[in-house]
């Protein structure tokens, strides 16, 4: 009797009636014979290169991938003396892992000992894997570079500082030397200027080029007009003049890349990156990175130029509106104090002025409605109007009426709805050394008179704000100051300063009068500084309104 057919194999029947199979069993993990066709097919189908050696280190087997990746290795090759230096060195040193480049591929190998006494090398092609890793690291490096560049350039609001930063940052990451060629903002200087920084320099170097030199550099003039050019090798014949712009000892230049520094307002300059002859040229990613950096540098330079223009205008406005230097008036001592309301321009809506007259002087102290630049513009208008009107009228009451009419007749008076409180005064010296003051008020706080015995008296000059109503009524008063006595005029920024223990309480009229009484007898300048100090201490750093004060004392 025969058993069922399975795999074409059959065996004798035992006495128990069961079928006994003749196929031998294989233990799991038992190696296949070396000459087995199945073993060869399995080895050749692997994605790793496998090289086996005997105890003496002689190659005994290579699979198909080993033939492709390591064609220098054949059976019988002494691995310790093979042509692949990195692998041979690893064998001689007893190292079990090795990274090598062979025939343009990057390989990674691991050695494992075999039960036969020999060993096997498993070698894997990591070219694509390493390329992806290198690309990721390069992208991270580029991102970090642009982040640093954006931060550094964003902090540069001064033109010269921005130019130095733009020339310094790309070295040595993008080039061995960098030049920023730009046109100066001054219209009179037409020739291009340059800022250079090279690897090893301590600080950037500046200079002036000529259009002849700029024209000798291929692509530079185009870049200055906003056109991008491709990187080019350094041509000695064409760029001989530009070689003078490089530092001594720089060596022979290799590759040059020129990028326009663009901004919203047009090209701001050009960035030149120079690499030495021994350094590889620019690849496409480096070109794109250089273009991006140049664009950011151009935007930063345009922002610095805009900031410079605004700062210049602010200085002009500031110089015209800051409190003036007080003149010397015979028989009188004058002192003024000013604090703007935290405005970065240090100008605001409070002001004072003193004008010499034939027999004495006139003064004005006012508080324009609003804060900041808008109030400063109206302040300038009021002061300029007073400068002009005082030439035809020096009586305070009549002068304040003329000013009210002039402000209301201004072309934009209907839409700006701004006004000012104002105190005008004129004083002349009397025979006994005292001063006779004529005052006119337009809605301003009452000035304080400090007598020789320390008594403090307010002078009632109320009235209505100037520039608010065509039918506004103004008040006048006269005051006589004996030698040693003074008049303090101030704006409401003093009495309405909020601070103290609760940080909300106003400084108030009472504290001001008490402080003035305690400071009686002090020189006018010392009195002003003392009052400003007290108000600053009361505010303790809090936001406040504009503050102005003026002291007129009889000498």
Protein backbone atom coordinates (compact mmCIF):
# COMPACT_ATOMS: atom_id res chain seq x y z
CA UNK A 1 0.00 0.00 0.00
CA UNK A 2 1.34 3.45 -0.84
CA UNK A 3 0.77 6.77 0.89
CA UNK A 4 -0.77 9.88 -0.68
CA UNK A 5 1.47 11.81 -3.11
CA UNK A 6 2.98 15.07 -1.75
CA UNK A 7 5.78 16.78 -3.48
CA UNK A 8 6.42 13.63 -5.50
CA UNK A 9 7.87 11.90 -2.47
CA UNK A 10 6.74 8.51 -1.10
CA UNK A 11 7.82 6.20 1.74
CA UNK A 12 7.19 2.59 3.07
CA UNK A 13 4.20 1.74 5.29
CA UNK A 14 5.01 0.92 8.87
CA UNK A 15 3.49 -1.87 10.89
CA UNK A 16 1.05 0.52 12.53
CA UNK A 17 -0.51 1.31 9.18
CA UNK A 18 0.87 4.87 9.17
CA UNK A 19 2.87 6.36 6.37
CA UNK A 20 6.52 7.16 7.07
CA UNK A 21 8.03 9.99 4.93
CA UNK A 22 11.59 9.69 3.68
CA UNK A 23 12.19 13.54 3.27
CA UNK A 24 14.88 14.64 5.79
CA UNK A 25 14.04 17.37 8.26
CA UNK A 26 16.00 20.70 8.40
CA UNK A 27 16.74 22.52 11.64
CA UNK A 28 15.75 26.23 11.65
CA UNK A 29 18.85 28.38 11.01
CA UNK A 30 20.94 25.63 9.45
CA UNK A 31 23.07 27.23 6.68
CA UNK A 32 22.45 26.18 3.15
CA UNK A 33 25.31 24.60 1.24
CA UNK A 34 27.57 27.17 -0.40
CA UNK A 35 27.04 25.75 -3.84
CA UNK A 36 23.27 25.76 -3.54
CA UNK A 37 21.48 27.52 -6.38
CA UNK A 38 18.80 28.74 -3.94
CA UNK A 39 21.45 30.30 -1.67
CA UNK A 40 22.96 32.10 -4.64
CA UNK A 41 19.57 33.40 -5.72
CA UNK A 42 18.84 34.62 -2.20
CA UNK A 43 22.20 36.39 -1.88
CA UNK A 44 21.98 37.99 -5.29
CA UNK A 45 18.48 39.26 -4.56
CA UNK A 46 19.56 41.30 -1.54
CA UNK A 47 19.81 45.10 -1.74
CA UNK A 48 23.00 44.99 0.32
CA UNK A 49 26.40 44.05 -0.93
CA UNK A 50 27.73 40.97 0.91
CA UNK A 51 31.41 40.06 0.93
CA UNK A 52 32.59 37.03 2.93
CA UNK A 53 36.20 36.28 3.85
CA UNK A 54 37.98 33.36 5.41
CA UNK A 55 40.03 33.48 8.58
CA UNK A 56 42.96 34.95 6.65
CA UNK A 57 40.84 37.83 5.36
CA UNK A 58 40.71 36.57 1.76
CA UNK A 59 37.44 37.12 -0.09
CA UNK A 60 35.51 33.89 -0.56
CA UNK A 61 32.16 35.16 -1.84
CA UNK A 62 30.60 38.29 -3.30
CA UNK A 63 26.94 38.68 -4.25
CA UNK A 64 25.53 40.55 -7.23
CA UNK A 65 25.18 43.86 -5.38
CA UNK A 66 28.82 43.60 -4.25
CA UNK A 67 29.87 43.12 -7.87
CA UNK A 68 27.95 46.35 -8.73
CA UNK A 69 29.08 48.50 -5.80
CA UNK A 70 32.56 47.03 -5.21
CA UNK A 71 33.76 45.64 -8.54
CA UNK A 72 37.35 45.72 -7.28
CA UNK A 73 36.59 42.85 -4.90
CA UNK A 74 36.65 39.34 -6.32
CA UNK A 75 37.11 35.94 -4.68
CA UNK A 76 40.74 35.57 -3.73
CA UNK A 77 41.27 39.28 -2.98
CA UNK A 78 43.07 40.04 0.27
CA UNK A 79 40.68 42.49 1.84
CA UNK A 80 43.39 44.08 3.99
CA UNK A 81 45.34 44.99 0.85
CA UNK A 82 42.52 45.75 -1.56
CA UNK A 83 42.31 48.88 -3.71
CA UNK A 84 39.55 50.36 -1.57
CA UNK A 85 41.65 52.26 0.96
CA UNK A 86 38.93 52.99 3.53
CA UNK A 87 37.79 49.33 3.62
CA UNK A 88 41.35 47.98 3.72
CA UNK A 89 42.21 50.34 6.56
CA UNK A 90 39.18 49.23 8.53
CA UNK A 91 40.16 45.57 8.09
CA UNK A 92 43.73 46.19 9.21
CA UNK A 93 42.56 48.21 12.22
CA UNK A 94 39.92 45.68 13.24
CA UNK A 95 37.13 48.26 12.91
CA UNK A 96 33.67 46.78 12.39
CA UNK A 97 32.06 49.79 10.67
CA UNK A 98 33.25 51.92 7.79
CA UNK A 99 31.95 54.88 5.71
CA UNK A 100 33.54 55.33 2.32
CA UNK A 101 33.13 56.92 -1.09
CA UNK A 102 33.74 54.63 -4.04
CA UNK A 103 33.12 55.29 -7.69
CA UNK A 104 30.93 58.30 -6.90
CA UNK A 105 28.77 56.47 -4.38
CA UNK A 106 28.67 56.82 -0.61
CA UNK A 107 28.75 53.43 1.10
CA UNK A 108 28.40 52.24 4.69
CA UNK A 109 29.65 48.80 5.76
CA UNK A 110 29.30 46.62 8.86
CA UNK A 111 31.36 43.51 9.67
CA UNK A 112 29.92 40.40 11.33
CA UNK A 113 31.81 37.31 12.43
CA UNK A 114 30.78 33.91 10.97
CA UNK A 115 30.71 30.54 12.73
CA UNK A 116 33.26 29.23 10.22
CA UNK A 117 35.88 31.61 11.59
CA UNK A 118 35.67 34.06 8.75
CA UNK A 119 33.54 37.16 8.55
CA UNK A 120 31.00 38.86 6.33
CA UNK A 121 30.84 42.52 5.33
CA UNK A 122 27.37 43.97 4.71
CA UNK A 123 27.73 47.11 2.62
CA UNK A 124 24.81 49.44 1.92
CA UNK A 125 24.51 52.27 -0.63
CA UNK A 126 23.58 55.41 1.38
CA UNK A 127 24.14 57.94 -1.39
CA UNK A 128 20.51 59.03 -1.67
CA UNK A 129 19.98 58.89 2.08
CA UNK A 130 23.05 61.01 2.70
CA UNK A 131 22.02 63.43 -0.03
CA UNK A 132 18.66 63.92 1.67
CA UNK A 133 20.36 64.43 5.03
CA UNK A 134 22.83 66.90 3.53
CA UNK A 135 19.99 68.75 1.82
CA UNK A 136 18.07 68.97 5.11
CA UNK A 137 21.13 70.24 6.97
CA UNK A 138 21.85 72.73 4.20
CA UNK A 139 18.26 73.98 4.28
CA UNK A 140 18.43 74.37 8.04
CA UNK A 141 21.69 76.28 7.66
CA UNK A 142 20.17 78.57 5.02
CA UNK A 143 17.10 79.15 7.18
CA UNK A 144 19.29 80.00 10.18
CA UNK A 145 21.37 82.36 8.03
CA UNK A 146 18.31 84.20 6.73
CA UNK A 147 16.83 84.39 10.23
CA UNK A 148 20.03 85.91 11.57
CA UNK A 149 20.27 88.25 8.59
CA UNK A 150 16.67 89.38 9.04
CA UNK A 151 17.22 90.03 12.73
CA UNK A 152 20.49 91.92 12.25
CA UNK A 153 19.23 93.94 9.30
CA UNK A 154 15.97 94.71 11.07
CA UNK A 155 17.87 96.30 13.93
CA UNK A 156 19.85 98.56 11.60
CA UNK A 157 17.99 101.84 11.20
CA UNK A 158 21.09 103.86 10.40
CA UNK A 159 22.19 103.81 6.75
CA UNK A 160 25.90 103.29 7.41
CA UNK A 161 25.21 100.56 9.95
CA UNK A 162 22.91 98.78 7.49
CA UNK A 163 25.57 98.90 4.78
CA UNK A 164 28.21 97.46 7.12
CA UNK A 165 25.83 94.70 8.21
CA UNK A 166 24.97 93.82 4.60
CA UNK A 167 28.66 93.51 3.73
CA UNK A 168 29.61 91.55 6.87
CA UNK A 169 26.90 88.89 7.17
CA UNK A 170 27.54 86.95 3.90
CA UNK A 171 31.22 86.33 4.79
CA UNK A 172 32.37 83.55 4.88
CA UNK A 173 29.05 81.70 4.48
CA UNK A 174 28.36 82.84 0.91
CA UNK A 175 31.67 84.28 -0.17
CA UNK A 176 35.22 85.00 0.90
CA UNK A 177 34.67 88.71 0.34
CA UNK A 178 31.58 90.88 -0.09
CA UNK A 179 31.18 94.36 -1.52
CA UNK A 180 28.06 96.48 -1.29
CA UNK A 181 28.03 99.10 -4.06
CA UNK A 182 25.48 101.86 -3.55
CA UNK A 183 24.63 105.40 -4.44
CA UNK A 184 24.81 107.90 -1.57
CA UNK A 185 21.59 109.70 -0.64
CA UNK A 186 23.15 113.12 -1.21
CA UNK A 187 22.29 114.26 -4.76
CA UNK A 188 25.64 116.01 -5.12
CA UNK A 189 27.54 112.71 -4.82
CA UNK A 190 26.79 110.84 -8.02
CA UNK A 191 29.68 108.34 -8.02
CA UNK A 192 28.98 104.94 -6.48
CA UNK A 193 30.32 104.20 -3.01
CA UNK A 194 31.28 100.78 -1.71
CA UNK A 195 31.60 98.90 1.57
CA UNK A 196 33.85 95.84 1.64
CA UNK A 197 34.37 93.03 4.11
CA UNK A 198 36.63 90.01 3.59
CA UNK A 199 37.23 86.89 5.61
CA UNK A 200 39.85 87.81 8.22
CA UNK A 201 39.11 91.56 8.26
CA UNK A 202 38.43 93.18 11.61
CA UNK A 203 36.01 95.82 10.37
CA UNK A 204 34.41 96.72 7.02
CA UNK A 205 36.26 99.14 4.75
CA UNK A 206 34.57 101.91 2.77
CA UNK A 207 35.55 103.81 -0.35
CA UNK A 208 34.38 105.55 -3.51
CA UNK A 209 34.49 103.93 -6.94
CA UNK A 210 34.09 105.50 -10.33
CA UNK A 211 31.56 104.69 -12.99
CA UNK A 212 34.48 103.51 -15.14
CA UNK A 213 35.29 100.81 -12.57
CA UNK A 214 31.62 99.93 -12.20
CA UNK A 215 31.31 99.59 -15.95
CA UNK A 216 34.30 97.23 -16.11
CA UNK A 217 32.51 94.67 -13.92
CA UNK A 218 30.13 92.59 -16.05
CA UNK A 219 26.63 92.87 -14.64
CA UNK A 220 27.31 95.53 -11.98
CA UNK A 221 25.69 98.44 -13.79
CA UNK A 222 22.71 96.20 -14.62
CA UNK A 223 22.41 95.19 -10.95
CA UNK A 224 22.49 98.83 -9.87
CA UNK A 225 19.50 99.29 -12.17
CA UNK A 226 17.71 96.29 -10.63
CA UNK A 227 18.57 93.50 -13.11
CA UNK A 228 19.89 90.13 -11.88
CA UNK A 229 22.88 88.45 -13.57
CA UNK A 230 24.25 84.92 -13.44
CA UNK A 231 27.47 84.11 -11.54
CA UNK A 232 30.57 84.34 -13.69
CA UNK A 233 34.23 83.41 -13.37
CA UNK A 234 36.62 86.18 -12.43
CA UNK A 235 38.09 87.41 -15.68
CA UNK A 236 41.40 89.08 -15.00
CA UNK A 237 41.35 91.05 -18.22
CA UNK A 238 37.91 92.51 -17.55
CA UNK A 239 38.09 92.90 -13.79
CA UNK A 240 41.61 94.20 -13.32
CA UNK A 241 40.32 97.48 -11.92
CA UNK A 242 38.05 95.79 -9.40
CA UNK A 243 40.99 93.77 -8.07
CA UNK A 244 42.15 97.00 -6.42
CA UNK A 245 39.01 96.94 -4.29
CA UNK A 246 39.95 93.60 -2.74
CA UNK A 247 42.17 93.49 0.36
CA UNK A 248 45.89 92.91 0.05
CA UNK A 249 46.78 89.24 0.21
CA UNK A 250 43.30 88.11 -0.78
CA UNK A 251 44.72 85.88 -3.48
CA UNK A 252 43.44 85.09 -6.89
CA UNK A 253 39.64 85.51 -7.13
CA UNK A 254 37.65 82.66 -8.59
CA UNK A 255 33.91 83.24 -8.98
CA UNK A 256 31.88 86.45 -8.80
CA UNK A 257 28.12 86.69 -8.10
CA UNK A 258 26.34 90.05 -8.38
CA UNK A 259 22.82 90.51 -7.01
CA UNK A 260 20.65 93.64 -7.08
CA UNK A 261 19.54 95.01 -3.71
CA UNK A 262 15.92 95.70 -4.52
CA UNK A 263 13.38 97.64 -2.46
CA UNK A 264 9.88 98.99 -2.88
CA UNK A 265 11.28 102.27 -4.11
CA UNK A 266 13.62 100.70 -6.67
CA UNK A 267 17.19 99.35 -6.58
CA UNK A 268 19.09 100.42 -3.46
CA UNK A 269 22.47 99.03 -4.54
CA UNK A 270 24.23 95.83 -5.57
CA UNK A 271 25.82 93.01 -3.58
CA UNK A 272 29.03 91.47 -4.97
CA UNK A 273 30.14 88.11 -3.56
CA UNK A 274 33.65 86.95 -4.43
CA UNK A 275 35.06 83.47 -3.89
CA UNK A 276 38.71 82.53 -4.04
CA UNK A 277 39.93 80.35 -6.88
CA UNK A 278 40.16 77.21 -4.74
CA UNK A 279 36.54 77.36 -3.60
CA UNK A 280 33.72 75.77 -5.64
CA UNK A 281 31.45 78.08 -7.57
CA UNK A 282 27.87 78.99 -6.66
CA UNK A 283 25.22 76.30 -7.07
CA UNK A 284 21.61 77.18 -7.74
CA UNK A 285 20.56 77.07 -4.09
CA UNK A 286 23.41 79.38 -3.12
CA UNK A 287 22.43 81.75 -5.92
CA UNK A 288 18.84 81.80 -4.70
CA UNK A 289 20.03 82.39 -1.13
CA UNK A 290 22.29 85.25 -2.21
CA UNK A 291 19.40 86.83 -4.14
CA UNK A 292 17.11 86.53 -1.11
CA UNK A 293 19.71 88.05 1.21
CA UNK A 294 20.38 90.90 -1.23
CA UNK A 295 16.64 91.62 -1.41
CA UNK A 296 16.39 91.75 2.38
CA UNK A 297 19.46 93.97 2.57
CA UNK A 298 17.92 96.27 -0.05
CA UNK A 299 14.67 96.50 1.91
CA UNK A 300 16.62 97.23 5.11
CA UNK A 301 18.65 99.92 3.35
CA UNK A 302 15.46 101.52 1.99
CA UNK A 303 13.96 101.46 5.49
CA UNK A 304 17.12 103.04 6.89
CA UNK A 305 16.94 105.77 4.24
CA UNK A 306 13.30 106.43 5.06
CA UNK A 307 14.09 106.52 8.75
CA UNK A 308 16.97 108.92 8.05
CA UNK A 309 14.69 111.24 6.10
CA UNK A 310 12.08 111.19 8.86
CA UNK A 311 14.75 111.75 11.51
CA UNK A 312 16.07 114.72 9.53
CA UNK A 313 12.59 116.22 9.25
CA UNK A 314 12.03 115.57 12.94
CA UNK A 315 15.28 117.37 13.82
CA UNK A 316 14.29 120.34 11.68
CA UNK A 317 10.86 120.45 13.30
CA UNK A 318 12.38 119.90 16.72
CA UNK A 319 14.90 122.69 16.34
CA UNK A 320 12.15 125.08 15.30
CA UNK A 321 9.80 124.16 18.15
CA UNK A 322 11.98 123.44 21.17
CA UNK A 323 11.96 126.18 23.79
CA UNK A 324 14.38 128.93 22.81
CA UNK A 325 17.40 130.15 24.68
CA UNK A 326 16.12 133.00 26.81
CA UNK A 327 17.51 136.46 26.07
CA UNK A 328 19.20 138.72 28.59
CA UNK A 329 16.83 141.51 29.66
CA UNK A 330 18.17 144.37 31.83
CA UNK A 331 16.52 144.43 35.25
CA UNK A 332 14.97 140.95 34.89
CA UNK A 333 16.00 137.37 35.47
CA UNK A 334 14.33 134.71 33.33
CA UNK A 335 14.17 130.91 33.52
CA UNK A 336 12.11 128.31 31.68
CA UNK A 337 11.42 124.58 31.98
CA UNK A 338 9.92 122.06 29.58
CA UNK A 339 8.89 118.38 29.53
CA UNK A 340 7.26 116.76 26.50
CA UNK A 341 4.62 114.08 27.11
CA UNK A 342 6.88 111.10 26.36
CA UNK A 343 6.97 111.93 22.65
CA UNK A 344 10.04 110.52 20.91
CA UNK A 345 10.53 113.84 19.11
CA UNK A 346 10.71 115.68 22.46
CA UNK A 347 8.23 118.23 21.15
CA UNK A 348 4.60 118.71 22.04
CA UNK A 349 1.84 121.22 22.58
CA UNK A 350 3.27 123.33 25.43
CA UNK A 351 5.61 126.21 24.66
CA UNK A 352 7.04 129.48 25.86
CA UNK A 353 8.79 132.40 24.13
CA UNK A 354 10.41 135.68 25.17
CA UNK A 355 10.87 138.62 22.78
CA UNK A 356 12.99 141.70 23.47
CA UNK A 357 11.28 145.06 23.07
CA UNK A 358 12.60 148.60 23.24
CA UNK A 359 11.82 149.13 26.92
CA UNK A 360 11.77 145.55 28.18
CA UNK A 361 10.41 142.30 26.82
CA UNK A 362 7.30 140.34 25.92
CA UNK A 363 6.66 136.72 26.83
CA UNK A 364 4.15 134.03 25.86
CA UNK A 365 3.34 130.72 27.46
CA UNK A 366 0.71 128.45 25.91
CA UNK A 367 -0.79 124.99 25.83
CA UNK A 368 -2.07 123.74 22.47
CA UNK A 369 -4.90 121.21 22.47
CA UNK A 370 -3.59 117.71 21.71
CA UNK A 371 -0.24 115.94 21.91
CA UNK A 372 2.59 114.79 19.68
CA UNK A 373 3.27 115.94 16.14
CA UNK A 374 -0.22 117.32 15.50
CA UNK A 375 0.01 119.58 18.53
CA UNK A 376 3.57 120.51 17.59
CA UNK A 377 2.43 121.73 14.18
CA UNK A 378 -0.16 124.03 15.75
CA UNK A 379 2.44 125.12 18.29
CA UNK A 380 4.68 126.19 15.44
CA UNK A 381 1.84 128.09 13.82
CA UNK A 382 1.03 129.93 17.04
CA UNK A 383 4.65 130.84 17.71
CA UNK A 384 5.27 132.01 14.17
CA UNK A 385 2.09 134.09 14.24
CA UNK A 386 3.19 135.70 17.50
CA UNK A 387 6.62 136.42 16.03
CA UNK A 388 4.98 138.28 13.16
CA UNK A 389 2.11 140.01 14.96
CA UNK A 390 4.31 141.39 17.74
CA UNK A 391 6.01 143.55 15.14
CA UNK A 392 2.78 145.53 14.70
CA UNK A 393 1.19 145.12 18.15
CA UNK A 394 2.88 144.84 21.56
CA UNK A 395 -0.08 145.33 23.87
CA UNK A 396 -0.87 141.85 25.24
CA UNK A 397 -4.69 142.14 25.06
CA UNK A 398 -4.71 143.46 21.50
CA UNK A 399 -2.06 140.93 20.45
CA UNK A 400 -4.07 137.98 21.73
CA UNK A 401 -7.13 139.26 19.82
CA UNK A 402 -5.09 139.47 16.61
CA UNK A 403 -3.79 135.96 17.16
CA UNK A 404 -7.33 134.64 17.67
CA UNK A 405 -8.40 136.15 14.35
CA UNK A 406 -5.32 134.83 12.54
CA UNK A 407 -5.91 131.25 13.76
CA UNK A 408 -9.56 131.33 12.77
CA UNK A 409 -8.70 132.74 9.31
CA UNK A 410 -6.27 129.88 8.57
CA UNK A 411 -7.32 127.78 5.50
CA UNK A 412 -7.69 124.55 7.52
CA UNK A 413 -9.26 126.11 10.62
CA UNK A 414 -12.69 124.65 9.91
CA UNK A 415 -11.53 121.04 9.88
CA UNK A 416 -8.78 120.92 12.50
CA UNK A 417 -10.86 122.15 15.49
CA UNK A 418 -7.76 122.83 17.56
CA UNK A 419 -7.13 125.74 19.89
CA UNK A 420 -4.67 126.92 22.50
CA UNK A 421 -4.75 128.43 25.94
CA UNK A 422 -2.35 131.32 26.20
CA UNK A 423 -0.82 133.79 28.62
CA UNK A 424 0.76 136.90 27.10
CA UNK A 425 2.76 139.42 29.05
CA UNK A 426 4.85 142.53 28.54
CA UNK A 427 7.07 144.08 31.19
CA UNK A 428 9.19 147.18 31.55
CA UNK A 429 11.71 148.17 34.18
CA UNK A 430 10.80 150.87 36.67
CA UNK A 431 13.07 153.41 38.31
CA UNK A 432 13.29 151.54 41.64
CA UNK A 433 14.39 148.30 39.91
CA UNK A 434 10.99 146.70 39.94
CA UNK A 435 9.04 145.41 36.95
CA UNK A 436 5.62 146.47 35.71
CA UNK A 437 3.81 143.61 33.94
CA UNK A 438 0.77 143.80 31.68
CA UNK A 439 -0.89 140.38 31.26
CA UNK A 440 -3.60 139.01 28.97
CA UNK A 441 -5.14 135.56 29.41
CA UNK A 442 -6.87 133.27 26.98
CA UNK A 443 -8.23 130.37 29.05
CA UNK A 444 -4.90 129.74 30.74
CA UNK A 445 -4.18 128.82 34.40
CA UNK A 446 -3.60 131.86 36.59
CA UNK A 447 0.09 132.65 37.07
CA UNK A 448 1.49 132.93 40.61
CA UNK A 449 3.23 135.95 42.09
CA UNK A 450 5.76 135.21 44.85
CA UNK A 451 6.35 138.23 47.07
CA UNK A 452 9.54 138.95 48.96
CA UNK A 453 8.05 137.62 52.22
CA UNK A 454 7.11 134.28 50.60
CA UNK A 455 3.43 135.12 50.05
CA UNK A 456 2.00 133.45 46.94
CA UNK A 457 -0.77 135.30 45.06
CA UNK A 458 -2.59 134.08 41.94
CA UNK A 459 -3.24 136.62 39.17
CA UNK A 460 -6.75 136.16 37.82
CA UNK A 461 -6.52 136.15 34.01
CA UNK A 462 -9.11 133.69 32.79
CA UNK A 463 -10.62 134.44 29.39
CA UNK A 464 -11.48 131.97 26.64
CA UNK A 465 -9.17 129.72 24.57
CA UNK A 466 -7.53 131.31 21.56
CA UNK A 467 -8.61 130.08 18.12
CA UNK A 468 -11.88 128.51 19.34
CA UNK A 469 -14.45 131.28 18.82
CA UNK A 470 -14.59 134.45 16.76
CA UNK A 471 -16.39 136.20 19.64
CA UNK A 472 -14.03 134.94 22.34
CA UNK A 473 -13.45 137.30 25.31
CA UNK A 474 -10.03 137.71 26.88
CA UNK A 475 -8.98 139.14 30.24
CA UNK A 476 -6.12 141.51 31.10
CA UNK A 477 -4.42 142.38 34.37
CA UNK A 478 -1.45 144.36 35.67
CA UNK A 479 1.12 143.25 38.24
CA UNK A 480 4.06 145.05 39.81
CA UNK A 481 7.08 143.07 40.99
CA UNK A 482 9.44 144.60 43.52
CA UNK A 483 13.12 143.59 43.44
CA UNK A 484 13.40 139.96 44.58
CA UNK A 485 9.81 139.12 43.62
CA UNK A 486 8.80 136.91 40.70
CA UNK A 487 5.95 135.69 38.57
CA UNK A 488 5.58 131.96 37.74
CA UNK A 489 3.57 131.03 34.64
CA UNK A 490 2.87 127.35 34.01
CA UNK A 491 0.70 125.00 31.98
CA UNK A 492 -1.89 122.63 33.42
CA UNK A 493 0.50 119.72 32.90
CA UNK A 494 1.98 120.71 36.28
CA UNK A 495 -1.15 120.79 38.39
CA UNK A 496 -2.86 117.91 36.57
CA UNK A 497 0.09 115.51 36.83
CA UNK A 498 -1.35 112.28 38.28
CA UNK A 499 0.70 110.20 40.69
CA UNK A 500 1.45 110.10 44.38
CA UNK A 501 0.57 107.17 46.65
CA UNK A 502 -2.55 106.23 44.66
CA UNK A 503 -0.94 107.00 41.26
CA UNK A 504 -4.21 108.76 40.37
CA UNK A 505 -4.15 111.88 42.53
CA UNK A 506 -3.35 115.17 40.81
CA UNK A 507 -0.43 117.29 41.94
CA UNK A 508 -2.89 120.16 42.29
CA UNK A 509 -2.78 123.92 42.90
CA UNK A 510 -2.24 123.53 46.63
CA UNK A 511 0.96 121.50 46.33
CA UNK A 512 2.26 123.85 43.66
CA UNK A 513 1.71 126.96 45.83
CA UNK A 514 3.26 125.25 48.84
CA UNK A 515 6.30 124.23 46.83
CA UNK A 516 6.69 127.74 45.41
CA UNK A 517 6.39 129.28 48.88
CA UNK A 518 9.05 126.96 50.30
CA UNK A 519 11.38 127.85 47.42
CA UNK A 520 10.94 131.60 47.84
CA UNK A 521 14.22 133.45 47.50
CA UNK A 522 15.80 130.87 45.21
CA UNK A 523 17.14 132.01 41.83
CA UNK A 524 14.61 131.53 39.00
CA UNK A 525 16.58 128.69 37.35
CA UNK A 526 16.85 126.80 40.65
CA UNK A 527 13.13 127.30 41.32
CA UNK A 528 12.22 125.85 37.92
CA UNK A 529 14.48 122.82 38.42
CA UNK A 530 13.06 122.27 41.89
CA UNK A 531 9.48 122.33 40.62
CA UNK A 532 10.26 119.97 37.74
CA UNK A 533 11.94 117.59 40.16
CA UNK A 534 8.92 117.59 42.48
CA UNK A 535 6.56 116.87 39.58
CA UNK A 536 8.83 114.06 38.31
CA UNK A 537 8.90 112.49 41.76
CA UNK A 538 5.11 112.78 41.98
CA UNK A 539 4.68 111.09 38.60
CA UNK A 540 7.24 108.38 39.39
CA UNK A 541 7.71 107.48 35.76
CA UNK A 542 4.05 107.50 34.75
CA UNK A 543 2.77 108.96 31.50
CA UNK A 544 2.07 112.67 31.78
CA UNK A 545 0.92 115.67 29.80
CA UNK A 546 3.26 118.26 28.34
CA UNK A 547 4.72 120.60 30.95
CA UNK A 548 6.04 124.12 30.51
CA UNK A 549 6.81 126.90 32.98
CA UNK A 550 8.39 130.35 32.81
CA UNK A 551 9.68 132.54 35.64
CA UNK A 552 10.08 136.33 35.35
CA UNK A 553 11.84 137.88 38.35
CA UNK A 554 12.73 141.45 39.17
CA UNK A 555 16.48 141.60 39.64
